[in-house]
C-alpha cells in the first residue's frame, strides 16, 4: 500500500488501469453526521421543516451523488451500480446518514458510498439551514468495504 496507484512515474495523475482485473461483487458502507440544535432535530424527524420533506430529498441526493461519483472525483471509474441504500437516523446531537453501495465490477465502490454520504449531509444542511445556520457536518467516513483483491475491511 506504499505505492501511489493514481500517479505515473513522473508524478502526474493517471487513471488506474483495471482492464485486466476480474469483476467481483463489491460493497461499501459510509456514514456522515450532521450536528444540529435539538429543536431542529425534532423538526427534521417529525417532518415539520419549512422546506418540506427533508428525508426524501436527502435520500435522493445521496443516491444521485453516488451514481455521479465519476463525474465529481476525477480519477474514479464510472461503475454500473447495482444498488444504493440510504438510511437516516437520529443521534443525540443531530442525524447520522448511512449509504451502502453494491456493484459487480472490476473496482470498488468506496468513493461512491462516501460521496453519497457527503452530498446527503450537505443536502440535509441545505434543508435545515433556514432554521439552524449553526449546524455542522462531520465526520464523513468509510465504515466497511468488501470484495476485490484487497478483500474485506471494516472500521473498528
N, C-alpha and C. Protein backbone atom coordinates (compact mmCIF):
# COMPACT_ATOMS: atom_id res chain seq x y z
N UNK A 1 0.81 -1.19 0.00
CA UNK A 1 0.00 0.00 0.00
C UNK A 1 0.86 1.27 0.00
N UNK A 2 2.19 1.16 -0.13
CA UNK A 2 3.05 2.32 -0.14
C UNK A 2 3.14 2.97 -1.52
N UNK A 3 2.81 2.24 -2.57
CA UNK A 3 2.89 2.75 -3.92
C UNK A 3 1.62 3.53 -4.26
N UNK A 4 1.80 4.73 -4.81
CA UNK A 4 0.66 5.53 -5.23
C UNK A 4 0.19 5.03 -6.58
N UNK A 5 -1.05 4.58 -6.66
CA UNK A 5 -1.56 3.98 -7.89
C UNK A 5 -2.11 5.00 -8.87
N UNK A 6 -2.38 6.22 -8.42
CA UNK A 6 -3.00 7.21 -9.28
C UNK A 6 -2.02 8.25 -9.81
N UNK A 7 -0.72 7.91 -9.78
CA UNK A 7 0.28 8.79 -10.38
C UNK A 7 1.24 7.93 -11.21
N UNK A 8 1.73 8.52 -12.31
CA UNK A 8 2.68 7.79 -13.15
C UNK A 8 4.10 7.96 -12.61
N UNK A 9 5.09 7.46 -13.34
CA UNK A 9 6.48 7.51 -12.89
C UNK A 9 7.01 8.93 -12.72
N UNK A 10 6.38 9.88 -13.40
CA UNK A 10 6.80 11.28 -13.30
C UNK A 10 5.98 12.06 -12.28
N UNK A 11 5.08 11.37 -11.57
CA UNK A 11 4.26 12.03 -10.56
C UNK A 11 3.01 12.70 -11.09
N UNK A 12 2.67 12.44 -12.35
CA UNK A 12 1.47 13.03 -12.94
C UNK A 12 0.26 12.15 -12.64
N UNK A 13 -0.92 12.77 -12.45
CA UNK A 13 -2.13 11.98 -12.19
C UNK A 13 -2.46 11.06 -13.35
N UNK A 14 -2.96 9.88 -13.02
CA UNK A 14 -3.41 8.94 -14.06
C UNK A 14 -4.57 8.13 -13.50
N UNK A 15 -5.38 7.63 -14.39
CA UNK A 15 -6.47 6.74 -14.00
C UNK A 15 -5.92 5.32 -14.00
N UNK A 16 -6.17 4.59 -12.94
CA UNK A 16 -5.67 3.23 -12.80
C UNK A 16 -6.28 2.34 -13.87
N UNK A 17 -5.47 1.49 -14.47
CA UNK A 17 -5.94 0.54 -15.47
C UNK A 17 -6.51 -0.68 -14.76
N UNK A 18 -7.82 -0.87 -14.86
CA UNK A 18 -8.46 -2.03 -14.24
C UNK A 18 -8.87 -3.07 -15.29
N UNK A 19 -8.38 -2.89 -16.52
CA UNK A 19 -8.78 -3.75 -17.63
C UNK A 19 -8.53 -5.23 -17.41
N UNK A 20 -7.45 -5.58 -16.74
CA UNK A 20 -7.12 -7.00 -16.53
C UNK A 20 -7.68 -7.56 -15.23
N UNK A 21 -8.34 -6.72 -14.43
CA UNK A 21 -8.88 -7.20 -13.17
C UNK A 21 -10.16 -7.99 -13.40
N UNK A 22 -10.44 -8.88 -12.48
CA UNK A 22 -11.67 -9.68 -12.55
C UNK A 22 -12.82 -8.94 -11.88
N UNK A 23 -13.96 -8.93 -12.54
CA UNK A 23 -15.16 -8.35 -11.92
C UNK A 23 -15.62 -9.26 -10.79
N UNK A 24 -15.91 -8.67 -9.64
CA UNK A 24 -16.39 -9.41 -8.48
C UNK A 24 -17.47 -8.58 -7.79
N UNK A 25 -18.28 -9.22 -6.93
CA UNK A 25 -19.24 -8.43 -6.14
C UNK A 25 -18.46 -7.56 -5.15
N UNK A 26 -18.84 -6.31 -5.05
CA UNK A 26 -18.19 -5.38 -4.14
C UNK A 26 -19.26 -4.55 -3.44
N UNK A 27 -18.96 -4.18 -2.22
CA UNK A 27 -19.91 -3.42 -1.42
C UNK A 27 -19.12 -2.48 -0.53
N UNK A 28 -19.67 -1.29 -0.30
CA UNK A 28 -19.04 -0.34 0.62
C UNK A 28 -20.13 0.39 1.39
N UNK A 29 -19.82 0.71 2.65
CA UNK A 29 -20.74 1.44 3.52
C UNK A 29 -19.99 2.64 4.09
N UNK A 30 -20.63 3.81 4.02
CA UNK A 30 -20.05 5.04 4.57
C UNK A 30 -21.10 5.74 5.40
N UNK A 31 -20.63 6.63 6.26
CA UNK A 31 -21.56 7.41 7.09
C UNK A 31 -21.13 8.86 7.13
N UNK A 32 -22.10 9.72 7.43
CA UNK A 32 -21.85 11.14 7.63
C UNK A 32 -22.77 11.60 8.75
N UNK A 33 -22.29 12.54 9.54
CA UNK A 33 -23.06 13.08 10.65
C UNK A 33 -23.37 14.55 10.39
N UNK A 34 -24.57 14.96 10.80
CA UNK A 34 -24.95 16.37 10.78
C UNK A 34 -25.35 16.73 12.20
N UNK A 35 -24.59 17.65 12.77
CA UNK A 35 -24.86 18.10 14.14
C UNK A 35 -25.75 19.33 14.04
N UNK A 36 -26.81 19.34 14.84
CA UNK A 36 -27.78 20.43 14.77
C UNK A 36 -28.41 20.65 16.14
N UNK A 37 -29.13 21.75 16.27
CA UNK A 37 -29.83 22.06 17.51
C UNK A 37 -30.92 21.01 17.77
N UNK A 38 -31.20 20.79 19.04
CA UNK A 38 -32.20 19.80 19.44
C UNK A 38 -33.56 20.08 18.79
N UNK A 39 -33.95 21.35 18.75
CA UNK A 39 -35.23 21.74 18.13
C UNK A 39 -35.25 21.39 16.64
N UNK A 40 -34.13 21.61 15.97
CA UNK A 40 -34.03 21.30 14.55
C UNK A 40 -34.15 19.80 14.32
N UNK A 41 -33.45 19.03 15.14
CA UNK A 41 -33.54 17.57 15.03
C UNK A 41 -34.99 17.13 15.20
N UNK A 42 -35.68 17.70 16.15
CA UNK A 42 -37.08 17.35 16.37
C UNK A 42 -37.92 17.66 15.13
N UNK A 43 -37.73 18.85 14.57
CA UNK A 43 -38.47 19.22 13.37
C UNK A 43 -38.16 18.28 12.21
N UNK A 44 -36.88 17.93 12.05
CA UNK A 44 -36.47 17.04 10.98
C UNK A 44 -37.18 15.70 11.08
N UNK A 45 -37.11 15.07 12.24
CA UNK A 45 -37.65 13.72 12.37
C UNK A 45 -39.17 13.71 12.55
N UNK A 46 -39.76 14.87 12.85
CA UNK A 46 -41.22 14.99 12.86
C UNK A 46 -41.76 15.34 11.48
N UNK A 47 -40.87 15.64 10.53
CA UNK A 47 -41.30 16.03 9.19
C UNK A 47 -41.91 17.41 9.16
N UNK A 48 -41.40 18.31 10.01
CA UNK A 48 -42.01 19.62 10.20
C UNK A 48 -41.04 20.76 9.85
N UNK A 49 -40.19 20.58 8.86
CA UNK A 49 -39.28 21.64 8.45
C UNK A 49 -39.96 22.56 7.44
N UNK A 50 -39.61 23.84 7.44
CA UNK A 50 -40.22 24.77 6.48
C UNK A 50 -40.02 24.38 5.01
N UNK A 51 -38.89 23.73 4.68
CA UNK A 51 -38.62 23.35 3.29
C UNK A 51 -39.32 22.05 2.90
N UNK A 52 -39.98 21.39 3.83
CA UNK A 52 -40.72 20.18 3.48
C UNK A 52 -40.03 18.90 3.89
N UNK A 53 -40.26 17.86 3.12
CA UNK A 53 -39.81 16.50 3.44
C UNK A 53 -38.31 16.33 3.21
N UNK A 54 -37.54 16.71 4.20
CA UNK A 54 -36.08 16.67 4.09
C UNK A 54 -35.58 15.24 3.88
N UNK A 55 -36.17 14.28 4.54
CA UNK A 55 -35.69 12.90 4.46
C UNK A 55 -35.70 12.38 3.02
N UNK A 56 -36.76 12.61 2.29
CA UNK A 56 -36.84 12.16 0.90
C UNK A 56 -35.82 12.88 0.03
N UNK A 57 -35.68 14.18 0.23
CA UNK A 57 -34.74 14.96 -0.57
C UNK A 57 -33.31 14.48 -0.30
N UNK A 58 -32.98 14.24 0.96
CA UNK A 58 -31.64 13.77 1.32
C UNK A 58 -31.36 12.40 0.71
N UNK A 59 -32.33 11.50 0.78
CA UNK A 59 -32.13 10.17 0.19
C UNK A 59 -31.87 10.25 -1.31
N UNK A 60 -32.67 11.04 -2.01
CA UNK A 60 -32.49 11.19 -3.46
C UNK A 60 -31.13 11.82 -3.77
N UNK A 61 -30.74 12.83 -3.00
CA UNK A 61 -29.44 13.48 -3.23
C UNK A 61 -28.29 12.50 -3.02
N UNK A 62 -28.35 11.69 -1.98
CA UNK A 62 -27.29 10.72 -1.71
C UNK A 62 -27.21 9.69 -2.83
N UNK A 63 -28.35 9.21 -3.29
CA UNK A 63 -28.38 8.23 -4.39
C UNK A 63 -27.82 8.86 -5.67
N UNK A 64 -28.28 10.05 -5.98
CA UNK A 64 -27.81 10.73 -7.20
C UNK A 64 -26.31 10.98 -7.13
N UNK A 65 -25.81 11.40 -5.99
CA UNK A 65 -24.37 11.67 -5.84
C UNK A 65 -23.55 10.40 -6.00
N UNK A 66 -23.99 9.32 -5.39
CA UNK A 66 -23.26 8.05 -5.52
C UNK A 66 -23.20 7.62 -6.98
N UNK A 67 -24.30 7.80 -7.71
CA UNK A 67 -24.34 7.42 -9.12
C UNK A 67 -23.43 8.30 -9.97
N UNK A 68 -23.19 9.54 -9.55
CA UNK A 68 -22.42 10.50 -10.34
C UNK A 68 -21.00 10.71 -9.83
N UNK A 69 -20.52 9.82 -8.99
CA UNK A 69 -19.20 10.00 -8.38
C UNK A 69 -18.10 10.17 -9.42
N UNK A 70 -18.13 9.41 -10.48
CA UNK A 70 -17.08 9.52 -11.51
C UNK A 70 -17.07 10.89 -12.17
N UNK A 71 -18.19 11.61 -12.13
CA UNK A 71 -18.24 12.97 -12.66
C UNK A 71 -17.68 13.98 -11.68
N UNK A 72 -17.61 13.62 -10.41
CA UNK A 72 -17.18 14.54 -9.36
C UNK A 72 -15.75 14.30 -8.89
N UNK A 73 -15.32 13.06 -8.86
CA UNK A 73 -13.99 12.70 -8.38
C UNK A 73 -13.18 12.31 -9.61
N UNK A 74 -12.20 13.11 -9.99
CA UNK A 74 -11.56 12.99 -11.30
C UNK A 74 -11.02 11.62 -11.70
N UNK A 75 -10.47 10.84 -10.78
CA UNK A 75 -9.84 9.59 -11.19
C UNK A 75 -10.67 8.35 -10.90
N UNK A 76 -11.94 8.54 -10.55
CA UNK A 76 -12.83 7.40 -10.31
C UNK A 76 -13.35 6.85 -11.64
N UNK A 77 -13.52 5.53 -11.67
CA UNK A 77 -14.09 4.88 -12.84
C UNK A 77 -15.62 4.95 -12.77
N UNK A 78 -16.30 5.19 -13.89
CA UNK A 78 -17.76 5.08 -13.89
C UNK A 78 -18.14 3.61 -13.65
N UNK A 79 -19.08 3.37 -12.78
CA UNK A 79 -19.43 1.99 -12.41
C UNK A 79 -20.91 1.71 -12.64
N UNK A 80 -21.23 0.47 -13.03
CA UNK A 80 -22.63 0.07 -13.19
C UNK A 80 -23.21 -0.35 -11.84
N UNK A 81 -23.62 0.61 -11.05
CA UNK A 81 -24.06 0.35 -9.68
C UNK A 81 -25.31 -0.52 -9.67
N UNK A 82 -25.28 -1.54 -8.81
CA UNK A 82 -26.41 -2.45 -8.67
C UNK A 82 -27.44 -1.96 -7.67
N UNK A 83 -26.98 -1.39 -6.56
CA UNK A 83 -27.94 -0.90 -5.56
C UNK A 83 -27.30 0.15 -4.68
N UNK A 84 -28.18 1.02 -4.16
CA UNK A 84 -27.77 2.05 -3.20
C UNK A 84 -28.87 2.12 -2.16
N UNK A 85 -28.46 2.01 -0.90
CA UNK A 85 -29.41 2.14 0.20
C UNK A 85 -28.96 3.30 1.08
N UNK A 86 -29.92 4.14 1.47
CA UNK A 86 -29.63 5.30 2.30
C UNK A 86 -30.49 5.24 3.56
N UNK A 87 -29.83 5.32 4.69
CA UNK A 87 -30.54 5.36 5.97
C UNK A 87 -30.26 6.67 6.68
N UNK A 88 -31.25 7.18 7.37
CA UNK A 88 -31.09 8.41 8.16
C UNK A 88 -31.69 8.12 9.53
N UNK A 89 -30.89 8.33 10.56
CA UNK A 89 -31.37 8.06 11.91
C UNK A 89 -30.97 9.20 12.85
N UNK A 90 -31.77 9.41 13.89
CA UNK A 90 -31.42 10.46 14.85
C UNK A 90 -30.24 10.04 15.71
N UNK A 91 -29.45 11.03 16.08
CA UNK A 91 -28.39 10.85 17.07
C UNK A 91 -28.68 11.82 18.20
N UNK A 92 -27.90 11.74 19.24
CA UNK A 92 -28.12 12.63 20.38
C UNK A 92 -28.02 14.10 19.98
N UNK A 93 -27.13 14.39 19.03
CA UNK A 93 -26.93 15.79 18.66
C UNK A 93 -27.23 16.08 17.18
N UNK A 94 -28.07 15.26 16.56
CA UNK A 94 -28.43 15.53 15.18
C UNK A 94 -28.89 14.31 14.42
N UNK A 95 -28.19 14.01 13.32
CA UNK A 95 -28.59 12.90 12.45
C UNK A 95 -27.36 12.20 11.90
N UNK A 96 -27.53 10.92 11.63
CA UNK A 96 -26.49 10.09 11.01
C UNK A 96 -27.04 9.53 9.71
N UNK A 97 -26.31 9.74 8.62
CA UNK A 97 -26.66 9.18 7.33
C UNK A 97 -25.75 7.99 7.09
N UNK A 98 -26.31 6.92 6.56
CA UNK A 98 -25.51 5.77 6.17
C UNK A 98 -25.87 5.42 4.73
N UNK A 99 -24.84 5.25 3.91
CA UNK A 99 -25.03 4.93 2.50
C UNK A 99 -24.28 3.65 2.20
N UNK A 100 -25.01 2.68 1.62
CA UNK A 100 -24.43 1.40 1.23
C UNK A 100 -24.59 1.24 -0.27
N UNK A 101 -23.47 0.95 -0.94
CA UNK A 101 -23.46 0.83 -2.40
C UNK A 101 -22.93 -0.54 -2.77
N UNK A 102 -23.59 -1.20 -3.73
CA UNK A 102 -23.15 -2.51 -4.20
C UNK A 102 -22.99 -2.49 -5.72
N UNK A 103 -22.03 -3.28 -6.19
CA UNK A 103 -21.73 -3.34 -7.62
C UNK A 103 -21.08 -4.69 -7.92
N UNK A 104 -21.18 -5.13 -9.16
CA UNK A 104 -20.39 -6.25 -9.66
C UNK A 104 -19.48 -5.64 -10.70
N UNK A 105 -18.20 -5.42 -10.32
CA UNK A 105 -17.31 -4.67 -11.20
C UNK A 105 -15.85 -5.00 -10.93
N UNK A 106 -14.97 -4.31 -11.65
CA UNK A 106 -13.54 -4.53 -11.53
C UNK A 106 -12.88 -3.63 -10.50
N UNK A 107 -13.62 -2.72 -9.92
CA UNK A 107 -13.09 -1.83 -8.90
C UNK A 107 -14.18 -1.53 -7.87
N UNK A 108 -13.78 -1.08 -6.71
CA UNK A 108 -14.70 -0.94 -5.59
C UNK A 108 -15.55 0.32 -5.62
N UNK A 109 -16.45 0.39 -4.65
CA UNK A 109 -17.42 1.49 -4.58
C UNK A 109 -17.27 2.32 -3.29
N UNK A 110 -16.07 2.34 -2.72
CA UNK A 110 -15.85 3.14 -1.52
C UNK A 110 -16.12 4.62 -1.77
N UNK A 111 -15.63 5.13 -2.90
CA UNK A 111 -15.81 6.55 -3.19
C UNK A 111 -17.28 6.88 -3.44
N UNK A 112 -18.01 5.95 -4.04
CA UNK A 112 -19.43 6.18 -4.28
C UNK A 112 -20.20 6.26 -2.96
N UNK A 113 -19.89 5.36 -2.02
CA UNK A 113 -20.56 5.38 -0.73
C UNK A 113 -20.23 6.67 0.03
N UNK A 114 -18.95 7.06 0.01
CA UNK A 114 -18.56 8.28 0.73
C UNK A 114 -19.11 9.54 0.08
N UNK A 115 -19.14 9.56 -1.25
CA UNK A 115 -19.71 10.72 -1.95
C UNK A 115 -21.20 10.83 -1.66
N UNK A 116 -21.89 9.70 -1.68
CA UNK A 116 -23.32 9.72 -1.35
C UNK A 116 -23.57 10.23 0.05
N UNK A 117 -22.77 9.78 1.01
CA UNK A 117 -22.93 10.23 2.40
C UNK A 117 -22.63 11.72 2.53
N UNK A 118 -21.56 12.18 1.88
CA UNK A 118 -21.17 13.58 1.97
C UNK A 118 -22.22 14.50 1.35
N UNK A 119 -22.67 14.17 0.15
CA UNK A 119 -23.67 15.01 -0.51
C UNK A 119 -25.02 14.93 0.20
N UNK A 120 -25.34 13.76 0.74
CA UNK A 120 -26.55 13.66 1.55
C UNK A 120 -26.48 14.59 2.75
N UNK A 121 -25.32 14.66 3.40
CA UNK A 121 -25.15 15.54 4.57
C UNK A 121 -25.24 17.01 4.16
N UNK A 122 -24.63 17.37 3.04
CA UNK A 122 -24.70 18.76 2.57
C UNK A 122 -26.15 19.11 2.23
N UNK A 123 -26.87 18.17 1.63
CA UNK A 123 -28.27 18.40 1.30
C UNK A 123 -29.10 18.56 2.56
N UNK A 124 -28.82 17.75 3.58
CA UNK A 124 -29.53 17.91 4.84
C UNK A 124 -29.27 19.29 5.43
N UNK A 125 -28.02 19.73 5.38
CA UNK A 125 -27.73 21.10 5.85
C UNK A 125 -28.56 22.11 5.07
N UNK A 126 -28.64 21.96 3.77
CA UNK A 126 -29.43 22.88 2.95
C UNK A 126 -30.90 22.89 3.39
N UNK A 127 -31.41 21.74 3.76
CA UNK A 127 -32.82 21.63 4.15
C UNK A 127 -33.08 22.24 5.52
N UNK A 128 -32.06 22.31 6.38
CA UNK A 128 -32.29 22.84 7.74
C UNK A 128 -31.69 24.22 7.97
N UNK A 129 -30.91 24.73 7.03
CA UNK A 129 -30.18 25.98 7.27
C UNK A 129 -31.10 27.16 7.58
N UNK A 130 -32.32 27.13 7.10
CA UNK A 130 -33.25 28.21 7.38
C UNK A 130 -33.62 28.31 8.85
N UNK A 131 -33.52 27.21 9.57
CA UNK A 131 -33.84 27.21 11.00
C UNK A 131 -32.61 26.98 11.87
N UNK A 132 -31.47 26.61 11.24
CA UNK A 132 -30.29 26.29 12.04
C UNK A 132 -29.01 26.48 11.23
N UNK A 133 -28.60 27.73 11.05
CA UNK A 133 -27.38 28.01 10.28
C UNK A 133 -26.13 27.49 10.99
N UNK A 134 -26.20 27.23 12.27
CA UNK A 134 -25.05 26.75 13.02
C UNK A 134 -24.82 25.26 12.93
N UNK A 135 -25.64 24.55 12.18
CA UNK A 135 -25.44 23.10 12.02
C UNK A 135 -24.08 22.84 11.39
N UNK A 136 -23.52 21.67 11.66
CA UNK A 136 -22.21 21.33 11.09
C UNK A 136 -22.22 19.88 10.60
N UNK A 137 -21.29 19.60 9.72
CA UNK A 137 -21.19 18.28 9.08
C UNK A 137 -19.87 17.63 9.48
N UNK A 138 -19.93 16.34 9.80
CA UNK A 138 -18.71 15.58 10.00
C UNK A 138 -18.76 14.71 11.23
N UNK A 139 -18.00 13.67 11.22
CA UNK A 139 -17.15 13.25 10.11
C UNK A 139 -17.92 12.54 9.01
N UNK A 140 -17.29 12.45 7.85
CA UNK A 140 -17.73 11.59 6.76
C UNK A 140 -16.65 10.52 6.66
N UNK A 141 -17.05 9.26 6.72
CA UNK A 141 -16.02 8.22 6.73
C UNK A 141 -16.54 6.89 6.22
N UNK A 142 -15.59 6.10 5.72
CA UNK A 142 -15.89 4.75 5.27
C UNK A 142 -16.02 3.85 6.49
N UNK A 143 -17.05 3.02 6.51
CA UNK A 143 -17.26 2.07 7.61
C UNK A 143 -16.77 0.68 7.25
N UNK A 144 -17.01 0.27 6.00
CA UNK A 144 -16.58 -1.06 5.58
C UNK A 144 -16.58 -1.16 4.07
N UNK A 145 -15.81 -2.13 3.59
CA UNK A 145 -15.82 -2.47 2.17
C UNK A 145 -15.57 -3.96 2.06
N UNK A 146 -16.13 -4.55 1.01
CA UNK A 146 -15.90 -5.97 0.77
C UNK A 146 -15.74 -6.20 -0.72
N UNK A 147 -15.03 -7.29 -1.03
CA UNK A 147 -14.81 -7.67 -2.42
C UNK A 147 -13.48 -7.19 -2.94
N UNK A 148 -13.11 -7.75 -4.07
CA UNK A 148 -11.87 -7.35 -4.72
C UNK A 148 -10.65 -8.03 -4.16
N UNK A 149 -9.52 -7.76 -4.79
CA UNK A 149 -8.25 -8.39 -4.43
C UNK A 149 -7.81 -8.07 -3.00
N UNK A 150 -8.09 -6.85 -2.54
CA UNK A 150 -7.65 -6.45 -1.20
C UNK A 150 -8.55 -7.01 -0.11
N UNK A 151 -9.67 -7.61 -0.49
CA UNK A 151 -10.54 -8.28 0.49
C UNK A 151 -11.40 -7.33 1.29
N UNK A 152 -11.81 -7.82 2.44
CA UNK A 152 -12.74 -7.07 3.29
C UNK A 152 -11.99 -6.18 4.26
N UNK A 153 -12.65 -5.08 4.62
CA UNK A 153 -12.10 -4.14 5.60
C UNK A 153 -13.28 -3.56 6.38
N UNK A 154 -13.11 -3.37 7.67
CA UNK A 154 -14.16 -2.74 8.48
C UNK A 154 -13.50 -1.86 9.53
N UNK A 155 -14.10 -0.70 9.73
CA UNK A 155 -13.64 0.22 10.78
C UNK A 155 -13.87 -0.41 12.14
N UNK A 156 -12.91 -0.28 13.02
CA UNK A 156 -13.05 -0.85 14.37
C UNK A 156 -13.89 0.05 15.25
